[in-house]
PDB file of N, CA and C in Angstrom:
ATOM      1  N   MET A   1       0.794  -1.082   0.035  1.00  0.00           N
ATOM      2  CA  MET A   1       0.014   0.040   0.061  1.00  0.00           C
ATOM      3  C   MET A   1       0.893   1.298  -0.081  1.00  0.00           C
ATOM      4  N   LEU A   2       0.600   2.105  -0.848  1.00  0.00           N
ATOM      5  CA  LEU A   2       1.274   3.389  -0.849  1.00  0.00           C
ATOM      6  C   LEU A   2       0.949   4.326   0.054  1.00  0.00           C
ATOM      7  N   ARG A   3       1.879   4.978   0.527  1.00  0.00           N
ATOM      8  CA  ARG A   3       1.605   6.044   1.522  1.00  0.00           C
ATOM      9  C   ARG A   3       1.927   7.491   1.080  1.00  0.00           C
ATOM     10  N   ARG A   4       1.550   8.554   1.548  1.00  0.00           N
ATOM     11  CA  ARG A   4       1.880   9.782   1.009  1.00  0.00           C
ATOM     12  C   ARG A   4       3.377  10.070   0.858  1.00  0.00           C
ATOM     13  N   THR A   5       4.183   9.618   1.842  1.00  0.00           N
ATOM     14  CA  THR A   5       5.500   9.765   1.744  1.00  0.00           C
ATOM     15  C   THR A   5       6.217   9.084   0.690  1.00  0.00           C
ATOM     16  N   ASP A   6       5.606   8.179  -0.030  1.00  0.00           N
ATOM     17  CA  ASP A   6       6.033   7.433  -1.008  1.00  0.00           C
ATOM     18  C   ASP A   6       6.485   8.359  -2.123  1.00  0.00           C
ATOM     19  N   VAL A   7       6.096   9.294  -2.199  1.00  0.00           N
ATOM     20  CA  VAL A   7       6.263  10.514  -3.246  1.00  0.00           C
ATOM     21  C   VAL A   7       7.773  10.740  -3.174  1.00  0.00           C
ATOM     22  N   ILE A   8       8.516  10.730  -2.018  1.00  0.00           N
ATOM     23  CA  ILE A   8       9.758  10.870  -1.932  1.00  0.00           C
ATOM     24  C   ILE A   8      10.543   9.818  -2.806  1.00  0.00           C
ATOM     25  N   GLY A   9      10.252   8.637  -2.648  1.00  0.00           N
ATOM     26  CA  GLY A   9      10.795   7.588  -3.359  1.00  0.00           C
ATOM     27  C   GLY A   9      10.725   7.771  -4.766  1.00  0.00           C
ATOM     28  N   PHE A  10       9.523   8.110  -5.212  1.00  0.00           N
ATOM     29  CA  PHE A  10       9.312   8.432  -6.678  1.00  0.00           C
ATOM     30  C   PHE A  10      10.038   9.555  -7.242  1.00  0.00           C
ATOM     31  N   ALA A  11      10.141  10.675  -6.423  1.00  0.00           N
ATOM     32  CA  ALA A  11      11.097  11.865  -6.762  1.00  0.00           C
ATOM     33  C   ALA A  11      12.543  11.454  -6.921  1.00  0.00           C
ATOM     34  N   GLY A  12      12.921  10.570  -6.020  1.00  0.00           N
ATOM     35  CA  GLY A  12      14.226  10.166  -6.116  1.00  0.00           C
ATOM     36  C   GLY A  12      14.502   9.242  -7.309  1.00  0.00           C
ATOM     37  N   LEU A  13      13.590   8.448  -7.792  1.00  0.00           N
ATOM     38  CA  LEU A  13      13.642   7.539  -8.877  1.00  0.00           C
ATOM     39  C   LEU A  13      13.728   8.570 -10.120  1.00  0.00           C
ATOM     40  N   ALA A  14      12.779   9.728 -10.258  1.00  0.00           N
ATOM     41  CA  ALA A  14      12.729  10.407 -11.227  1.00  0.00           C
ATOM     42  C   ALA A  14      14.080  11.177 -11.439  1.00  0.00           C
ATOM     43  N   MET A  15      14.704  11.559 -10.282  1.00  0.00           N
ATOM     44  CA  MET A  15      15.947  12.287 -10.293  1.00  0.00           C
ATOM     45  C   MET A  15      17.088  11.305 -10.796  1.00  0.00           C
ATOM     46  N   LEU A  16      17.079  10.083 -10.501  1.00  0.00           N
ATOM     47  CA  LEU A  16      18.054   9.093 -10.716  1.00  0.00           C
ATOM     48  C   LEU A  16      17.879   9.010 -12.463  1.00  0.00           C
ATOM     49  N   LEU A  17      16.694   8.920 -12.939  1.00  0.00           N
ATOM     50  CA  LEU A  17      16.440   8.636 -14.499  1.00  0.00           C
ATOM     51  C   LEU A  17      16.796   9.877 -15.307  1.00  0.00           C
ATOM     52  N   THR A  18      16.427  11.135 -14.544  1.00  0.00           N
ATOM     53  CA  THR A  18      16.797  12.455 -15.215  1.00  0.00           C
ATOM     54  C   THR A  18      18.279  12.441 -15.346  1.00  0.00           C
ATOM     55  N   GLY A  19      19.113  12.258 -14.245  1.00  0.00           N
ATOM     56  CA  GLY A  19      20.541  12.305 -14.410  1.00  0.00           C
ATOM     57  C   GLY A  19      21.000  11.378 -15.484  1.00  0.00           C
ATOM     58  N   ALA A  20      20.534  10.193 -15.392  1.00  0.00           N
ATOM     59  CA  ALA A  20      21.106   9.240 -16.490  1.00  0.00           C
ATOM     60  C   ALA A  20      20.889   9.829 -17.754  1.00  0.00           C
ATOM     61  N   VAL A  21      19.643  10.319 -18.095  1.00  0.00           N
ATOM     62  CA  VAL A  21      19.418  10.959 -19.438  1.00  0.00           C
ATOM     63  C   VAL A  21      20.194  12.131 -19.896  1.00  0.00           C
ATOM     64  N   LEU A  22      20.407  12.924 -18.985  1.00  0.00           N
ATOM     65  CA  LEU A  22      21.336  14.090 -19.002  1.00  0.00           C
ATOM     66  C   LEU A  22      22.667  13.786 -19.249  1.00  0.00           C
ATOM     67  N   PHE A  23      23.256  12.674 -18.564  1.00  0.00           N
ATOM     68  CA  PHE A  23      24.562  12.319 -18.684  1.00  0.00           C
ATOM     69  C   PHE A  23      24.811  11.510 -20.018  1.00  0.00           C
ATOM     70  N   LEU A  24      23.964  10.877 -20.437  1.00  0.00           N
ATOM     71  CA  LEU A  24      23.969   9.884 -21.655  1.00  0.00           C
ATOM     72  C   LEU A  24      23.642  10.578 -22.962  1.00  0.00           C
ATOM     73  N   THR A  25      22.935  11.709 -22.921  1.00  0.00           N
ATOM     74  CA  THR A  25      22.395  12.201 -24.110  1.00  0.00           C
ATOM     75  C   THR A  25      22.876  13.781 -24.331  1.00  0.00           C
ATOM     76  N   GLY A  26      24.018  14.207 -23.717  1.00  0.00           N
ATOM     77  CA  GLY A  26      24.533  15.335 -24.075  1.00  0.00           C
ATOM     78  C   GLY A  26      25.022  15.655 -25.565  1.00  0.00           C
ATOM     79  N   SER A  27      24.202  16.470 -26.207  1.00  0.00           N
ATOM     80  CA  SER A  27      24.544  16.377 -27.842  1.00  0.00           C
ATOM     81  C   SER A  27      25.350  17.739 -28.306  1.00  0.00           C
ATOM     82  N   GLU A  28      25.277  18.977 -27.689  1.00  0.00           N
ATOM     83  CA  GLU A  28      25.911  19.803 -28.161  1.00  0.00           C
ATOM     84  C   GLU A  28      27.413  19.870 -27.807  1.00  0.00           C
ATOM     85  N   GLY A  29      28.305  20.067 -28.702  1.00  0.00           N
ATOM     86  CA  GLY A  29      29.755  20.015 -28.384  1.00  0.00           C
ATOM     87  C   GLY A  29      30.252  20.966 -27.439  1.00  0.00           C
ATOM     88  N   GLU A  30      29.738  22.202 -27.214  1.00  0.00           N
ATOM     89  CA  GLU A  30      30.154  23.225 -26.262  1.00  0.00           C
ATOM     90  C   GLU A  30      29.644  22.873 -24.857  1.00  0.00           C
ATOM     91  N   LEU A  31      28.531  22.294 -24.826  1.00  0.00           N
ATOM     92  CA  LEU A  31      28.022  22.317 -23.455  1.00  0.00           C
ATOM     93  C   LEU A  31      27.976  20.658 -23.140  1.00  0.00           C
ATOM     94  N   THR A  32      28.799  19.830 -23.524  1.00  0.00           N
ATOM     95  CA  THR A  32      28.773  18.434 -23.157  1.00  0.00           C
ATOM     96  C   THR A  32      29.097  18.319 -21.780  1.00  0.00           C
ATOM     97  N   TRP A  33      30.236  19.241 -21.297  1.00  0.00           N
ATOM     98  CA  TRP A  33      30.643  18.939 -19.835  1.00  0.00           C
ATOM     99  C   TRP A  33      29.594  19.325 -18.847  1.00  0.00           C
ATOM    100  N   VAL A  34      28.560  20.394 -19.350  1.00  0.00           N
ATOM    101  CA  VAL A  34      27.701  20.905 -18.491  1.00  0.00           C
ATOM    102  C   VAL A  34      26.587  19.646 -18.315  1.00  0.00           C
ATOM    103  N   TYR A  35      26.363  19.086 -19.366  1.00  0.00           N
ATOM    104  CA  TYR A  35      25.431  17.906 -19.248  1.00  0.00           C
ATOM    105  C   TYR A  35      26.020  16.853 -18.398  1.00  0.00           C
ATOM    106  N   TRP A  36      27.277  16.634 -18.504  1.00  0.00           N
ATOM    107  CA  TRP A  36      27.849  15.541 -17.734  1.00  0.00           C
ATOM    108  C   TRP A  36      27.897  16.005 -16.302  1.00  0.00           C
ATOM    109  N   MET A  37      28.260  17.080 -15.883  1.00  0.00           N
ATOM    110  CA  MET A  37      28.375  17.522 -14.430  1.00  0.00           C
ATOM    111  C   MET A  37      26.878  17.563 -13.897  1.00  0.00           C
ATOM    112  N   THR A  38      26.035  18.200 -14.639  1.00  0.00           N
ATOM    113  CA  THR A  38      24.568  18.240 -14.187  1.00  0.00           C
ATOM    114  C   THR A  38      23.914  16.735 -14.060  1.00  0.00           C
ATOM    115  N   GLY A  39      24.241  16.108 -15.116  1.00  0.00           N
ATOM    116  CA  GLY A  39      23.616  14.698 -14.892  1.00  0.00           C
ATOM    117  C   GLY A  39      24.152  13.890 -13.890  1.00  0.00           C
ATOM    118  N   THR A  40      25.479  14.111 -13.682  1.00  0.00           N
ATOM    119  CA  THR A  40      26.113  13.352 -12.503  1.00  0.00           C
ATOM    120  C   THR A  40      25.673  13.815 -11.240  1.00  0.00           C
ATOM    121  N   CYS A  41      25.501  15.103 -11.071  1.00  0.00           N
ATOM    122  CA  CYS A  41      25.125  15.387  -9.646  1.00  0.00           C
ATOM    123  C   CYS A  41      23.537  15.140  -9.493  1.00  0.00           C
ATOM    124  N   VAL A  42      22.789  15.242 -10.445  1.00  0.00           N
ATOM    125  CA  VAL A  42      21.218  14.904 -10.256  1.00  0.00           C
ATOM    126  C   VAL A  42      21.141  13.407 -10.224  1.00  0.00           C
ATOM    127  N   TRP A  43      22.100  12.780 -10.553  1.00  0.00           N
ATOM    128  CA  TRP A  43      22.007  11.086 -10.501  1.00  0.00           C
ATOM    129  C   TRP A  43      22.399  10.821  -9.136  1.00  0.00           C
ATOM    130  N   PHE A  44      23.535  11.228  -8.749  1.00  0.00           N
ATOM    131  CA  PHE A  44      23.877  10.986  -7.287  1.00  0.00           C
ATOM    132  C   PHE A  44      22.910  11.501  -6.272  1.00  0.00           C
ATOM    133  N   ALA A  45      22.256  12.651  -6.357  1.00  0.00           N
ATOM    134  CA  ALA A  45      21.268  13.153  -5.449  1.00  0.00           C
ATOM    135  C   ALA A  45      20.054  12.272  -5.589  1.00  0.00           C
ATOM    136  N   GLY A  46      19.605  11.872  -6.652  1.00  0.00           N
ATOM    137  CA  GLY A  46      18.591  10.984  -6.804  1.00  0.00           C
ATOM    138  C   GLY A  46      18.921   9.712  -6.053  1.00  0.00           C
ATOM    139  N   PHE A  47      20.095   9.136  -6.276  1.00  0.00           N
ATOM    140  CA  PHE A  47      20.262   7.800  -5.685  1.00  0.00           C
ATOM    141  C   PHE A  47      20.488   7.923  -4.312  1.00  0.00           C
ATOM    142  N   GLY A  48      20.853   8.937  -3.746  1.00  0.00           N
ATOM    143  CA  GLY A  48      20.899   9.311  -2.159  1.00  0.00           C
ATOM    144  C   GLY A  48      19.353   9.549  -1.672  1.00  0.00           C
ATOM    145  N   VAL A  49      18.567  10.139  -2.386  1.00  0.00           N
ATOM    146  CA  VAL A  49      17.263  10.223  -1.966  1.00  0.00           C
ATOM    147  C   VAL A  49      16.367   8.922  -1.973  1.00  0.00           C
ATOM    148  N   LEU A  50      16.768   8.143  -3.019  1.00  0.00           N
ATOM    149  CA  LEU A  50      16.124   6.970  -3.105  1.00  0.00           C
ATOM    150  C   LEU A  50      16.450   5.967  -2.127  1.00  0.00           C
ATOM    151  N   LEU A  51      17.811   5.895  -1.751  1.00  0.00           N
ATOM    152  CA  LEU A  51      18.331   4.912  -0.789  1.00  0.00           C
ATOM    153  C   LEU A  51      17.998   5.445   0.461  1.00  0.00           C
ATOM    154  N   GLY A  52      17.966   6.695   0.897  1.00  0.00           N
ATOM    155  CA  GLY A  52      17.517   7.166   2.179  1.00  0.00           C
ATOM    156  C   GLY A  52      15.957   6.820   2.402  1.00  0.00           C
ATOM    157  N   TRP A  53      15.140   7.033   1.414  1.00  0.00           N
ATOM    158  CA  TRP A  53      13.743   6.667   1.394  1.00  0.00           C
ATOM    159  C   TRP A  53      13.560   5.142   1.775  1.00  0.00           C
ATOM    160  N   LEU A  54      14.348   4.324   0.925  1.00  0.00           N
ATOM    161  CA  LEU A  54      14.252   2.966   1.259  1.00  0.00           C
ATOM    162  C   LEU A  54      14.536   2.506   2.491  1.00  0.00           C
ATOM    163  N   ILE A  55      15.566   2.952   3.172  1.00  0.00           N
ATOM    164  CA  ILE A  55      15.991   2.606   4.308  1.00  0.00           C
ATOM    165  C   ILE A  55      14.956   3.224   5.550  1.00  0.00           C
ATOM    166  N   TRP A  56      14.339   4.477   5.209  1.00  0.00           N
ATOM    167  CA  TRP A  56      13.412   4.840   6.159  1.00  0.00           C
ATOM    168  C   TRP A  56      12.424   4.044   6.015  1.00  0.00           C
ATOM    169  N   ARG A  57      11.718   3.683   4.962  1.00  0.00           N
ATOM    170  CA  ARG A  57      10.517   2.990   4.579  1.00  0.00           C
ATOM    171  C   ARG A  57      10.814   1.400   5.151  1.00  0.00           C
ATOM    172  N   ALA A  58      11.880   1.007   4.947  1.00  0.00           N
ATOM    173  CA  ALA A  58      12.144  -0.391   5.679  1.00  0.00           C
ATOM    174  C   ALA A  58      12.072  -0.174   7.242  1.00  0.00           C
ATOM    175  N   GLY A  59      12.406   0.824   7.837  1.00  0.00           N
ATOM    176  CA  GLY A  59      12.456   0.942   9.311  1.00  0.00           C
ATOM    177  C   GLY A  59      10.928   1.193   9.777  1.00  0.00           C
ATOM    178  N   THR A  60       9.979   1.546   8.906  1.00  0.00           N
ATOM    179  CA  THR A  60       8.573   1.540   9.254  1.00  0.00           C
ATOM    180  C   THR A  60       7.919   0.309   9.206  1.00  0.00           C
ATOM    181  N   PHE A  61       8.297  -0.560   8.633  1.00  0.00           N
ATOM    182  CA  PHE A  61       7.591  -1.985   8.610  1.00  0.00           C
ATOM    183  C   PHE A  61       7.724  -2.583  10.022  1.00  0.00           C
ATOM    184  N   SER A  62       8.611  -2.175  10.809  1.00  0.00           N
ATOM    185  CA  SER A  62       8.576  -2.909  12.211  1.00  0.00           C
ATOM    186  C   SER A  62       7.774  -2.353  13.262  1.00  0.00           C
ATOM    187  N   GLU A  63       7.392  -1.103  12.854  1.00  0.00           N
ATOM    188  CA  GLU A  63       6.453  -0.392  13.720  1.00  0.00           C
ATOM    189  C   GLU A  63       4.996  -0.920  13.653  1.00  0.00           C
ATOM    190  N   ARG A  64       4.485  -1.698  12.591  1.00  0.00           N
ATOM    191  CA  ARG A  64       3.153  -2.009  12.684  1.00  0.00           C
ATOM    192  C   ARG A  64       2.763  -2.948  13.783  1.00  0.00           C
ATOM    193  N   PRO A  65       1.537  -2.993  14.171  1.00  0.00           N
ATOM    194  CA  PRO A  65       1.167  -3.800  15.196  1.00  0.00           C
ATOM    195  C   PRO A  65       0.930  -5.142  14.736  1.00  0.00           C
ATOM    196  N   ALA A  66       1.154  -6.151  15.417  1.00  0.00           N
ATOM    197  CA  ALA A  66       1.016  -7.526  15.122  1.00  0.00           C
ATOM    198  C   ALA A  66      -0.540  -7.862  14.696  1.00  0.00           C
ATOM    199  N   ALA A  67      -0.837  -8.687  13.746  1.00  0.00           N
ATOM    200  CA  ALA A  67      -2.152  -8.927  13.302  1.00  0.00           C
ATOM    201  C   ALA A  67      -2.875  -9.767  14.271  1.00  0.00           C
ATOM    202  N   LYS A  68      -4.031  -9.573  14.541  1.00  0.00           N
ATOM    203  CA  LYS A  68      -4.877 -10.299  15.425  1.00  0.00           C
ATOM    204  C   LYS A  68      -5.265 -11.766  14.767  1.00  0.00           C
ATOM    205  N   PRO A  69      -5.252 -12.856  15.421  1.00  0.00           N
ATOM    206  CA  PRO A  69      -5.608 -14.211  14.929  1.00  0.00           C
ATOM    207  C   PRO A  69      -6.962 -14.049  14.332  1.00  0.00           C
ATOM    208  N   ALA A  70      -7.282 -14.788  13.358  1.00  0.00           N
ATOM    209  CA  ALA A  70      -8.589 -14.896  12.577  1.00  0.00           C
ATOM    210  C   ALA A  70      -9.593 -15.555  13.565  1.00  0.00           C
ATOM    211  N   GLY A  71     -10.820 -15.164  13.541  1.00  0.00           N
ATOM    212  CA  GLY A  71     -12.086 -16.041  14.147  1.00  0.00           C
ATOM    213  C   GLY A  71     -11.954 -15.739  15.739  1.00  0.00           C
ATOM    214  N   GLY A  72     -11.067 -14.863  16.176  1.00  0.00           N
ATOM    215  CA  GLY A  72     -11.111 -14.691  17.580  1.00  0.00           C
ATOM    216  C   GLY A  72     -10.597 -15.745  18.489  1.00  0.00           C
ATOM    217  N   ARG A  73      -9.917 -16.646  18.012  1.00  0.00           N
ATOM    218  CA  ARG A  73      -9.243 -17.644  18.782  1.00  0.00           C
ATOM    219  C   ARG A  73      -7.978 -17.110  19.362  1.00  0.00           C
ATOM    220  N   LYS A  74      -7.627 -17.709  20.695  1.00  0.00           N
ATOM    221  CA  LYS A  74      -6.517 -17.394  21.275  1.00  0.00           C
ATOM    222  C   LYS A  74      -5.410 -18.483  20.992  1.00  0.00           C
ATOM    223  N   ASN A  75      -4.253 -17.963  20.715  1.00  0.00           N
ATOM    224  CA  ASN A  75      -3.159 -19.078  20.538  1.00  0.00           C
ATOM    225  C   ASN A  75      -2.311 -19.289  21.645  1.00  0.00           C
TER     226      ASN A  75
END
Protein backbone atom coordinates (compact mmCIF):
# COMPACT_ATOMS: atom_id res chain seq x y z
CA MET A 1 0.00 0.00 0.00
CA LEU A 2 1.39 3.37 -0.98
CA ARG A 3 1.70 6.12 1.58
CA ARG A 4 1.84 9.85 1.03
CA THR A 5 5.53 9.79 1.87
CA ASP A 6 6.22 7.40 -1.01
CA VAL A 7 6.30 10.48 -3.25
CA ILE A 8 9.85 10.95 -1.91
CA GLY A 9 10.84 7.59 -3.38
CA PHE A 10 9.27 8.40 -6.72
CA ALA A 11 11.01 11.79 -6.76
CA GLY A 12 14.35 10.06 -6.11
CA LEU A 13 13.69 7.61 -8.93
CA ALA A 14 12.77 10.48 -11.27
CA MET A 15 16.00 12.29 -10.34
CA LEU A 16 17.97 9.10 -10.95
CA LEU A 17 16.47 8.66 -14.42
CA THR A 18 16.78 12.36 -15.30
CA GLY A 19 20.43 12.35 -14.30
CA ALA A 20 21.10 9.31 -16.45
CA VAL A 21 19.37 10.89 -19.44
CA LEU A 22 21.31 14.14 -19.04
CA PHE A 23 24.58 12.30 -18.67
CA LEU A 24 24.07 9.98 -21.63
CA THR A 25 22.41 12.30 -24.16
CA GLY A 26 24.44 15.52 -24.07
CA SER A 27 24.58 16.34 -27.79
CA GLU A 28 25.93 19.89 -28.16
CA GLY A 29 29.70 20.07 -28.43
CA GLU A 30 30.21 23.16 -26.30
CA LEU A 31 27.90 22.21 -23.45
CA THR A 32 28.71 18.49 -23.16
CA TRP A 33 30.61 19.02 -19.92
CA VAL A 34 27.60 20.88 -18.46
CA TYR A 35 25.33 17.94 -19.26
CA TRP A 36 27.84 15.51 -17.77
CA MET A 37 28.28 17.50 -14.56
CA THR A 38 24.58 18.25 -14.12
CA GLY A 39 23.58 14.70 -14.99
CA THR A 40 26.12 13.24 -12.58
CA CYS A 41 25.07 15.53 -9.72
CA VAL A 42 21.36 14.88 -10.28
CA TRP A 43 22.00 11.12 -10.56
CA PHE A 44 23.92 11.01 -7.28
CA ALA A 45 21.31 13.16 -5.52
CA GLY A 46 18.52 10.93 -6.82
CA PHE A 47 20.37 7.83 -5.70
CA GLY A 48 20.85 9.33 -2.23
CA VAL A 49 17.18 10.31 -1.93
CA LEU A 50 16.02 6.91 -3.15
CA LEU A 51 18.39 5.02 -0.84
CA GLY A 52 17.43 7.17 2.14
CA TRP A 53 13.74 6.65 1.43
CA LEU A 54 14.22 2.87 1.13
CA ILE A 55 16.04 2.69 4.47
CA TRP A 56 13.44 4.89 6.13
CA ARG A 57 10.58 2.91 4.60
CA ALA A 58 12.11 -0.41 5.69
CA GLY A 59 12.30 0.91 9.25
CA THR A 60 8.56 1.67 9.30
CA PHE A 61 7.63 -1.98 8.68
CA SER A 62 8.71 -2.97 12.20
CA GLU A 63 6.39 -0.38 13.78
CA ARG A 64 3.21 -2.08 12.58
CA PRO A 65 1.16 -3.80 15.27
CA ALA A 66 0.89 -7.57 15.05
CA ALA A 67 -2.15 -8.93 13.23
CA LYS A 68 -4.88 -10.44 15.38
CA PRO A 69 -5.64 -14.12 14.84
CA ALA A 70 -8.65 -14.84 12.65
CA GLY A 71 -11.88 -16.01 14.23
CA GLY A 72 -11.15 -14.56 17.65
CA ARG A 73 -9.29 -17.69 18.79
CA LYS A 74 -6.49 -17.40 21.30
CA ASN A 75 -3.14 -18.97 20.45
